[in-house]
Amino acid sequence: MSTATATRPRTRQATAPQIQAAAAAAAAPAPRVVPDRRRVHLTGRGRLLVLLVLLALLLSAFAFGRSASHASVTADPQPTLTQVTVQPGDTLWGVARRLAPHRDPREVVSQLQRLNELDSSGLQAGQQLLLPVAL
């Protein structure tokens, strides 16, 4: 007769340090998953594109400002003029003060000289002056 013997499968026994390491790993919190937050880096072509866009915006703002200022200048009609005769004792300074008492007389004198194409501020009695109706 033959005898059959049953054998148990051999299992490996864990040592004390291995058990402690496994317990510590089970008790430790799971590592957090941190999203990758790298900075955006522009390539040379990207930098050139950003520069060109900024330049286009700057130029369009400049062009818009110039066209708006030209529109306001061209929209103003020529001032209505009246002609007066210079009386004895009249000066360009006195005429400027009577014409626009609220403004600086130097500016008004300069404007009257340009309007009447005068080389100096001296006036002669009987001379004709063009004066704007409203200043």
Protein backbone atom coordinates (compact mmCIF):
# COMPACT_ATOMS: atom_id res chain seq x y z
CA MET A 1 0.00 0.00 0.00
CA SER A 2 1.03 3.29 -0.58
CA THR A 3 0.68 6.17 1.75
CA ALA A 4 -0.14 9.56 0.52
CA THR A 5 1.05 12.45 2.46
CA ALA A 6 -0.41 15.84 2.14
CA THR A 7 1.88 18.73 2.42
CA ARG A 8 0.96 22.27 3.04
CA PRO A 9 2.17 24.84 0.66
CA ARG A 10 5.00 26.70 2.13
CA THR A 11 4.32 30.32 2.97
CA ARG A 12 6.91 32.80 3.67
CA GLN A 13 6.89 34.32 7.09
CA ALA A 14 7.14 38.11 7.27
CA THR A 15 9.72 39.55 9.58
CA ALA A 16 8.97 42.25 12.13
CA PRO A 17 10.52 45.15 10.14
CA GLN A 18 8.53 44.17 7.08
CA ILE A 19 5.32 44.13 9.09
CA GLN A 20 6.07 47.55 10.54
CA ALA A 21 6.84 49.00 7.09
CA ALA A 22 3.58 47.61 5.68
CA ALA A 23 1.59 49.04 8.59
CA ALA A 24 3.22 52.46 8.19
CA ALA A 25 2.48 52.47 4.46
CA ALA A 26 -1.17 51.60 5.09
CA ALA A 27 -1.51 54.32 7.74
CA ALA A 28 0.19 57.06 5.68
CA PRO A 29 -2.13 59.32 3.66
CA ALA A 30 -2.15 58.88 -0.07
CA PRO A 31 0.04 61.38 -1.90
CA ARG A 32 -1.86 64.34 -3.37
CA VAL A 33 -1.97 64.73 -7.09
CA VAL A 34 -0.79 68.27 -7.86
CA PRO A 35 -1.71 69.71 -11.25
CA ASP A 36 1.18 70.73 -13.41
CA ARG A 37 1.33 74.53 -13.17
CA ARG A 38 4.13 75.44 -15.48
CA ARG A 39 4.41 78.96 -16.80
CA VAL A 40 3.48 79.63 -20.38
CA HIS A 41 6.57 80.20 -22.45
CA LEU A 42 6.28 82.07 -25.72
CA THR A 43 8.36 81.10 -28.65
CA GLY A 44 10.12 83.67 -30.76
CA ARG A 45 7.25 83.62 -33.24
CA GLY A 46 4.74 84.11 -30.41
CA ARG A 47 6.64 87.10 -29.05
CA LEU A 48 6.74 88.62 -32.52
CA LEU A 49 2.99 88.10 -32.91
CA VAL A 50 2.26 89.76 -29.54
CA LEU A 51 4.52 92.68 -30.47
CA LEU A 52 2.80 93.12 -33.84
CA VAL A 53 -0.67 93.06 -32.26
CA LEU A 54 0.33 95.68 -29.68
CA LEU A 55 1.90 97.83 -32.39
CA ALA A 56 -1.26 97.58 -34.52
CA LEU A 57 -3.41 98.62 -31.56
CA LEU A 58 -1.14 101.58 -30.82
CA LEU A 59 -1.14 102.75 -34.44
CA SER A 60 -4.90 102.40 -34.77
CA ALA A 61 -5.43 104.42 -31.57
CA PHE A 62 -3.05 107.09 -32.87
CA ALA A 63 -4.79 107.19 -36.27
CA PHE A 64 -8.20 107.40 -34.62
CA GLY A 65 -7.04 110.31 -32.46
CA ARG A 66 -5.63 112.17 -35.46
CA SER A 67 -8.77 111.65 -37.53
CA ALA A 68 -10.97 112.81 -34.66
CA SER A 69 -8.90 115.96 -34.20
CA HIS A 70 -8.98 116.69 -37.94
CA ALA A 71 -12.71 116.13 -38.02
CA SER A 72 -13.26 118.67 -35.27
CA VAL A 73 -11.05 121.23 -37.03
CA THR A 74 -12.69 120.78 -40.42
CA ALA A 75 -16.19 120.70 -38.93
CA ASP A 76 -15.83 124.25 -37.52
CA PRO A 77 -17.02 126.80 -40.03
CA GLN A 78 -14.95 129.89 -40.68
CA PRO A 79 -15.69 132.52 -38.05
CA THR A 80 -18.00 135.28 -39.14
CA LEU A 81 -15.99 138.43 -39.70
CA THR A 82 -16.89 142.06 -39.44
CA GLN A 83 -14.89 145.01 -40.72
CA VAL A 84 -14.22 148.08 -38.56
CA THR A 85 -12.35 151.30 -39.16
CA VAL A 86 -9.54 152.16 -36.73
CA GLN A 87 -10.23 155.43 -34.85
CA PRO A 88 -7.51 157.80 -33.66
CA GLY A 89 -5.95 156.48 -30.42
CA ASP A 90 -7.02 152.86 -31.03
CA THR A 91 -4.40 150.19 -30.38
CA LEU A 92 -4.48 146.52 -31.24
CA TRP A 93 -4.25 145.77 -27.52
CA GLY A 94 -7.32 147.94 -26.78
CA VAL A 95 -9.28 146.37 -29.63
CA ALA A 96 -8.39 142.91 -28.34
CA ARG A 97 -9.54 143.79 -24.79
CA ARG A 98 -12.88 145.17 -26.07
CA LEU A 99 -13.40 142.21 -28.41
CA ALA A 100 -12.69 139.44 -25.86
CA PRO A 101 -12.47 140.78 -22.29
CA HIS A 102 -12.49 137.28 -20.78
CA ARG A 103 -9.46 136.04 -22.77
CA ASP A 104 -5.76 136.81 -22.55
CA PRO A 105 -5.20 139.91 -24.73
CA ARG A 106 -1.87 138.55 -26.01
CA GLU A 107 -3.63 135.61 -27.66
CA VAL A 108 -6.30 137.85 -29.19
CA VAL A 109 -3.70 140.34 -30.47
CA SER A 110 -1.79 137.46 -32.08
CA GLN A 111 -4.97 136.14 -33.68
CA LEU A 112 -5.89 139.62 -35.00
CA GLN A 113 -2.38 140.07 -36.45
CA ARG A 114 -2.67 136.72 -38.30
CA LEU A 115 -6.22 137.47 -39.47
CA ASN A 116 -5.30 140.94 -40.80
CA GLU A 117 -1.80 139.93 -41.96
CA LEU A 118 -0.16 142.65 -39.86
CA ASP A 119 3.62 142.76 -39.45
CA SER A 120 3.45 144.81 -36.24
CA SER A 121 0.92 145.77 -33.62
CA GLY A 122 0.82 149.44 -34.67
CA LEU A 123 -2.42 150.77 -36.15
CA GLN A 124 -3.15 153.91 -38.17
CA ALA A 125 -6.39 155.93 -37.98
CA GLY A 126 -8.68 155.04 -40.90
CA GLN A 127 -7.17 151.55 -41.33
CA GLN A 128 -9.68 148.75 -41.93
CA LEU A 129 -9.50 145.72 -39.55
CA LEU A 130 -11.25 142.40 -39.86
CA LEU A 131 -12.58 141.22 -36.50
CA PRO A 132 -14.24 137.91 -35.69
CA VAL A 133 -17.79 138.35 -34.43
CA ALA A 134 -17.37 135.82 -31.62
CA LEU A 135 -14.13 134.78 -29.91
